[in-house]
Amino acid sequence: MTDQIVVVTGANNGIGKAIALEMAAQGAVLCLVGHLLETLLAIAQTVQKLSD
Protein backbone atom coordinates (compact mmCIF):
# COMPACT_ATOMS: atom_id res chain seq x y z
CA MET A 1 0.00 0.00 0.00
CA THR A 2 3.02 2.29 -0.04
CA ASP A 3 2.17 5.66 -1.61
CA GLN A 4 -1.43 4.66 -2.29
CA ILE A 5 -4.06 7.26 -1.33
CA VAL A 6 -6.86 5.89 0.83
CA VAL A 7 -9.99 7.83 1.88
CA VAL A 8 -11.37 6.43 5.13
CA THR A 9 -14.90 7.49 6.05
CA GLY A 10 -16.07 6.97 9.60
CA ALA A 11 -12.48 7.18 10.81
CA ASN A 12 -13.56 8.37 14.27
CA ASN A 13 -14.15 4.88 15.64
CA GLY A 14 -14.96 1.26 14.98
CA ILE A 15 -14.16 -0.28 11.62
CA GLY A 16 -13.17 3.05 10.06
CA LYS A 17 -10.59 3.69 12.77
CA ALA A 18 -9.25 0.15 12.48
CA ILE A 19 -8.94 0.49 8.70
CA ALA A 20 -7.14 3.84 9.06
CA LEU A 21 -4.62 2.38 11.51
CA GLU A 22 -3.99 -0.69 9.34
CA MET A 23 -3.61 1.29 6.13
CA ALA A 24 -1.17 3.66 7.87
CA ALA A 25 0.86 0.70 9.09
CA GLN A 26 1.04 -0.49 5.48
CA GLY A 27 2.33 2.89 4.28
CA ALA A 28 -0.75 4.38 2.66
CA VAL A 29 -1.39 8.12 2.45
CA LEU A 30 -4.67 8.74 4.28
CA CYS A 31 -7.56 11.15 4.03
CA LEU A 32 -9.57 10.75 7.24
CA VAL A 33 -13.26 11.67 7.25
CA GLY A 34 -15.45 11.81 10.34
CA HIS A 35 -17.77 14.05 12.33
CA LEU A 36 -15.73 14.61 15.52
CA LEU A 37 -12.77 16.90 14.86
CA GLU A 38 -10.99 16.29 18.18
CA THR A 39 -11.16 12.53 17.70
CA LEU A 40 -9.94 12.79 14.10
CA LEU A 41 -6.98 14.90 15.21
CA ALA A 42 -6.03 12.31 17.84
CA ILE A 43 -6.29 9.50 15.29
CA ALA A 44 -4.26 11.56 12.80
CA GLN A 45 -1.48 11.88 15.39
CA THR A 46 -1.50 8.11 15.95
CA VAL A 47 -1.47 7.48 12.19
CA GLN A 48 1.47 9.87 11.79
CA LYS A 49 3.47 7.91 14.39
CA LEU A 50 2.70 4.62 12.61
CA SER A 51 3.83 5.94 9.25
CA ASP A 52 7.15 7.39 10.46
PDB file of N, CA and C in Angstrom:
ATOM      1  N   MET A   1       0.813  -1.201   0.000  1.00  0.00           N
ATOM      2  CA  MET A   1       0.000   0.000   0.000  1.00  0.00           C
ATOM      3  C   MET A   1       0.856   1.265   0.000  1.00  0.00           C
ATOM      4  N   THR A   2       2.144   1.129  -0.088  1.00  0.00           N
ATOM      5  CA  THR A   2       3.018   2.286  -0.041  1.00  0.00           C
ATOM      6  C   THR A   2       2.653   3.288  -1.127  1.00  0.00           C
ATOM      7  N   ASP A   3       2.482   4.533  -0.714  1.00  0.00           N
ATOM      8  CA  ASP A   3       2.174   5.655  -1.606  1.00  0.00           C
ATOM      9  C   ASP A   3       0.805   5.567  -2.274  1.00  0.00           C
ATOM     10  N   GLN A   4      -0.060   4.698  -1.807  1.00  0.00           N
ATOM     11  CA  GLN A   4      -1.435   4.661  -2.292  1.00  0.00           C
ATOM     12  C   GLN A   4      -2.261   5.627  -1.444  1.00  0.00           C
ATOM     13  N   ILE A   5      -3.192   6.336  -2.061  1.00  0.00           N
ATOM     14  CA  ILE A   5      -4.059   7.259  -1.332  1.00  0.00           C
ATOM     15  C   ILE A   5      -5.338   6.532  -0.966  1.00  0.00           C
ATOM     16  N   VAL A   6      -5.677   6.575   0.327  1.00  0.00           N
ATOM     17  CA  VAL A   6      -6.864   5.889   0.827  1.00  0.00           C
ATOM     18  C   VAL A   6      -7.745   6.893   1.558  1.00  0.00           C
ATOM     19  N   VAL A   7      -9.018   6.991   1.178  1.00  0.00           N
ATOM     20  CA  VAL A   7      -9.985   7.829   1.879  1.00  0.00           C
ATOM     21  C   VAL A   7     -10.754   6.916   2.825  1.00  0.00           C
ATOM     22  N   VAL A   8     -10.701   7.243   4.118  1.00  0.00           N
ATOM     23  CA  VAL A   8     -11.371   6.430   5.131  1.00  0.00           C
ATOM     24  C   VAL A   8     -12.509   7.241   5.727  1.00  0.00           C
ATOM     25  N   THR A   9     -13.745   6.830   5.443  1.00  0.00           N
ATOM     26  CA  THR A   9     -14.900   7.487   6.047  1.00  0.00           C
ATOM     27  C   THR A   9     -15.224   6.795   7.360  1.00  0.00           C
ATOM     28  N   GLY A  10     -15.767   7.542   8.286  1.00  0.00           N
ATOM     29  CA  GLY A  10     -16.067   6.974   9.596  1.00  0.00           C
ATOM     30  C   GLY A  10     -14.813   6.658  10.385  1.00  0.00           C
ATOM     31  N   ALA A  11     -13.778   7.460  10.192  1.00  0.00           N
ATOM     32  CA  ALA A  11     -12.480   7.176  10.806  1.00  0.00           C
ATOM     33  C   ALA A  11     -12.442   7.489  12.295  1.00  0.00           C
ATOM     34  N   ASN A  12     -13.527   8.028  12.847  1.00  0.00           N
ATOM     35  CA  ASN A  12     -13.561   8.365  14.267  1.00  0.00           C
ATOM     36  C   ASN A  12     -13.500   7.152  15.188  1.00  0.00           C
ATOM     37  N   ASN A  13     -14.099   6.054  14.755  1.00  0.00           N
ATOM     38  CA  ASN A  13     -14.152   4.882  15.641  1.00  0.00           C
ATOM     39  C   ASN A  13     -14.506   3.627  14.859  1.00  0.00           C
ATOM     40  N   GLY A  14     -14.523   2.530  15.560  1.00  0.00           N
ATOM     41  CA  GLY A  14     -14.961   1.264  14.982  1.00  0.00           C
ATOM     42  C   GLY A  14     -14.129   0.796  13.809  1.00  0.00           C
ATOM     43  N   ILE A  15     -14.822   0.285  12.794  1.00  0.00           N
ATOM     44  CA  ILE A  15     -14.161  -0.282  11.624  1.00  0.00           C
ATOM     45  C   ILE A  15     -13.354   0.776  10.870  1.00  0.00           C
ATOM     46  N   GLY A  16     -13.886   1.989  10.752  1.00  0.00           N
ATOM     47  CA  GLY A  16     -13.171   3.050  10.058  1.00  0.00           C
ATOM     48  C   GLY A  16     -11.838   3.366  10.713  1.00  0.00           C
ATOM     49  N   LYS A  17     -11.840   3.428  12.037  1.00  0.00           N
ATOM     50  CA  LYS A  17     -10.593   3.689  12.766  1.00  0.00           C
ATOM     51  C   LYS A  17      -9.608   2.543  12.569  1.00  0.00           C
ATOM     52  N   ALA A  18     -10.102   1.323  12.658  1.00  0.00           N
ATOM     53  CA  ALA A  18      -9.246   0.146  12.480  1.00  0.00           C
ATOM     54  C   ALA A  18      -8.638   0.123  11.083  1.00  0.00           C
ATOM     55  N   ILE A  19      -9.442   0.453  10.076  1.00  0.00           N
ATOM     56  CA  ILE A  19      -8.936   0.487   8.703  1.00  0.00           C
ATOM     57  C   ILE A  19      -7.870   1.572   8.563  1.00  0.00           C
ATOM     58  N   ALA A  20      -8.115   2.743   9.138  1.00  0.00           N
ATOM     59  CA  ALA A  20      -7.144   3.838   9.065  1.00  0.00           C
ATOM     60  C   ALA A  20      -5.809   3.422   9.679  1.00  0.00           C
ATOM     61  N   LEU A  21      -5.855   2.800  10.833  1.00  0.00           N
ATOM     62  CA  LEU A  21      -4.621   2.379  11.506  1.00  0.00           C
ATOM     63  C   LEU A  21      -3.886   1.313  10.694  1.00  0.00           C
ATOM     64  N   GLU A  22      -4.625   0.372  10.136  1.00  0.00           N
ATOM     65  CA  GLU A  22      -3.992  -0.692   9.342  1.00  0.00           C
ATOM     66  C   GLU A  22      -3.391  -0.151   8.052  1.00  0.00           C
ATOM     67  N   MET A  23      -4.132   0.720   7.369  1.00  0.00           N
ATOM     68  CA  MET A  23      -3.615   1.291   6.130  1.00  0.00           C
ATOM     69  C   MET A  23      -2.371   2.147   6.396  1.00  0.00           C
ATOM     70  N   ALA A  24      -2.349   2.868   7.505  1.00  0.00           N
ATOM     71  CA  ALA A  24      -1.174   3.663   7.868  1.00  0.00           C
ATOM     72  C   ALA A  24       0.015   2.752   8.122  1.00  0.00           C
ATOM     73  N   ALA A  25      -0.216   1.649   8.805  1.00  0.00           N
ATOM     74  CA  ALA A  25       0.860   0.703   9.094  1.00  0.00           C
ATOM     75  C   ALA A  25       1.431   0.120   7.809  1.00  0.00           C
ATOM     76  N   GLN A  26       0.598   0.050   6.763  1.00  0.00           N
ATOM     77  CA  GLN A  26       1.045  -0.489   5.476  1.00  0.00           C
ATOM     78  C   GLN A  26       1.630   0.587   4.557  1.00  0.00           C
ATOM     79  N   GLY A  27       1.680   1.837   5.039  1.00  0.00           N
ATOM     80  CA  GLY A  27       2.334   2.888   4.284  1.00  0.00           C
ATOM     81  C   GLY A  27       1.452   3.729   3.377  1.00  0.00           C
ATOM     82  N   ALA A  28       0.146   3.604   3.511  1.00  0.00           N
ATOM     83  CA  ALA A  28      -0.755   4.380   2.664  1.00  0.00           C
ATOM     84  C   ALA A  28      -0.797   5.841   3.099  1.00  0.00           C
ATOM     85  N   VAL A  29      -1.126   6.715   2.161  1.00  0.00           N
ATOM     86  CA  VAL A  29      -1.395   8.124   2.447  1.00  0.00           C
ATOM     87  C   VAL A  29      -2.890   8.212   2.716  1.00  0.00           C
ATOM     88  N   LEU A  30      -3.266   8.782   3.868  1.00  0.00           N
ATOM     89  CA  LEU A  30      -4.666   8.742   4.281  1.00  0.00           C
ATOM     90  C   LEU A  30      -5.358  10.088   4.214  1.00  0.00           C
ATOM     91  N   CYS A  31      -6.640  10.038   3.892  1.00  0.00           N
ATOM     92  CA  CYS A  31      -7.560  11.152   4.031  1.00  0.00           C
ATOM     93  C   CYS A  31      -8.633  10.661   4.999  1.00  0.00           C
ATOM     94  N   LEU A  32      -8.631  11.197   6.212  1.00  0.00           N
ATOM     95  CA  LEU A  32      -9.569  10.748   7.238  1.00  0.00           C
ATOM     96  C   LEU A  32     -10.818  11.617   7.227  1.00  0.00           C
ATOM     97  N   VAL A  33     -11.987  10.963   7.254  1.00  0.00           N
ATOM     98  CA  VAL A  33     -13.263  11.671   7.245  1.00  0.00           C
ATOM     99  C   VAL A  33     -14.075  11.197   8.440  1.00  0.00           C
ATOM    100  N   GLY A  34     -14.615  12.149   9.189  1.00  0.00           N
ATOM    101  CA  GLY A  34     -15.452  11.814  10.335  1.00  0.00           C
ATOM    102  C   GLY A  34     -16.134  13.056  10.850  1.00  0.00           C
ATOM    103  N   HIS A  35     -16.979  12.910  11.848  1.00  0.00           N
ATOM    104  CA  HIS A  35     -17.767  14.050  12.327  1.00  0.00           C
ATOM    105  C   HIS A  35     -17.255  14.669  13.625  1.00  0.00           C
ATOM    106  N   LEU A  36     -16.268  14.081  14.272  1.00  0.00           N
ATOM    107  CA  LEU A  36     -15.733  14.613  15.520  1.00  0.00           C
ATOM    108  C   LEU A  36     -14.286  15.061  15.317  1.00  0.00           C
ATOM    109  N   LEU A  37     -14.091  16.361  15.189  1.00  0.00           N
ATOM    110  CA  LEU A  37     -12.774  16.903  14.862  1.00  0.00           C
ATOM    111  C   LEU A  37     -11.706  16.503  15.873  1.00  0.00           C
ATOM    112  N   GLU A  38     -11.987  16.618  17.154  1.00  0.00           N
ATOM    113  CA  GLU A  38     -10.991  16.287  18.176  1.00  0.00           C
ATOM    114  C   GLU A  38     -10.549  14.827  18.075  1.00  0.00           C
ATOM    115  N   THR A  39     -11.491  13.948  17.840  1.00  0.00           N
ATOM    116  CA  THR A  39     -11.162  12.532  17.697  1.00  0.00           C
ATOM    117  C   THR A  39     -10.327  12.294  16.447  1.00  0.00           C
ATOM    118  N   LEU A  40     -10.702  12.937  15.346  1.00  0.00           N
ATOM    119  CA  LEU A  40      -9.937  12.793  14.104  1.00  0.00           C
ATOM    120  C   LEU A  40      -8.506  13.284  14.271  1.00  0.00           C
ATOM    121  N   LEU A  41      -8.329  14.386  14.980  1.00  0.00           N
ATOM    122  CA  LEU A  41      -6.982  14.902  15.208  1.00  0.00           C
ATOM    123  C   LEU A  41      -6.144  13.921  16.027  1.00  0.00           C
ATOM    124  N   ALA A  42      -6.750  13.299  17.032  1.00  0.00           N
ATOM    125  CA  ALA A  42      -6.034  12.314  17.842  1.00  0.00           C
ATOM    126  C   ALA A  42      -5.653  11.099  17.000  1.00  0.00           C
ATOM    127  N   ILE A  43      -6.571  10.648  16.156  1.00  0.00           N
ATOM    128  CA  ILE A  43      -6.285   9.501  15.289  1.00  0.00           C
ATOM    129  C   ILE A  43      -5.217   9.879  14.266  1.00  0.00           C
ATOM    130  N   ALA A  44      -5.275  11.097  13.760  1.00  0.00           N
ATOM    131  CA  ALA A  44      -4.260  11.559  12.802  1.00  0.00           C
ATOM    132  C   ALA A  44      -2.867  11.545  13.435  1.00  0.00           C
ATOM    133  N   GLN A  45      -2.771  11.924  14.700  1.00  0.00           N
ATOM    134  CA  GLN A  45      -1.479  11.877  15.392  1.00  0.00           C
ATOM    135  C   GLN A  45      -0.979  10.438  15.511  1.00  0.00           C
ATOM    136  N   THR A  46      -1.870   9.522  15.847  1.00  0.00           N
ATOM    137  CA  THR A  46      -1.500   8.108  15.953  1.00  0.00           C
ATOM    138  C   THR A  46      -1.055   7.568  14.601  1.00  0.00           C
ATOM    139  N   VAL A  47      -1.790   7.909  13.555  1.00  0.00           N
ATOM    140  CA  VAL A  47      -1.471   7.479  12.194  1.00  0.00           C
ATOM    141  C   VAL A  47      -0.094   8.016  11.793  1.00  0.00           C
ATOM    142  N   GLN A  48       0.167   9.266  12.118  1.00  0.00           N
ATOM    143  CA  GLN A  48       1.470   9.866  11.785  1.00  0.00           C
ATOM    144  C   GLN A  48       2.608   9.090  12.425  1.00  0.00           C
ATOM    145  N   LYS A  49       2.431   8.683  13.688  1.00  0.00           N
ATOM    146  CA  LYS A  49       3.465   7.910  14.387  1.00  0.00           C
ATOM    147  C   LYS A  49       3.670   6.559  13.718  1.00  0.00           C
ATOM    148  N   LEU A  50       2.591   5.925  13.251  1.00  0.00           N
ATOM    149  CA  LEU A  50       2.699   4.617  12.607  1.00  0.00           C
ATOM    150  C   LEU A  50       3.436   4.706  11.276  1.00  0.00           C
ATOM    151  N   SER A  51       3.261   5.831  10.583  1.00  0.00           N
ATOM    152  CA  SER A  51       3.834   5.937   9.249  1.00  0.00           C
ATOM    153  C   SER A  51       5.270   6.467   9.240  1.00  0.00           C
ATOM    154  N   ASP A  52       5.757   6.903  10.381  1.00  0.00           N
ATOM    155  CA  ASP A  52       7.147   7.394  10.460  1.00  0.00           C
ATOM    156  C   ASP A  52       8.160   6.283  10.491  1.00  0.00           C
TER     157      ASP A  52
END
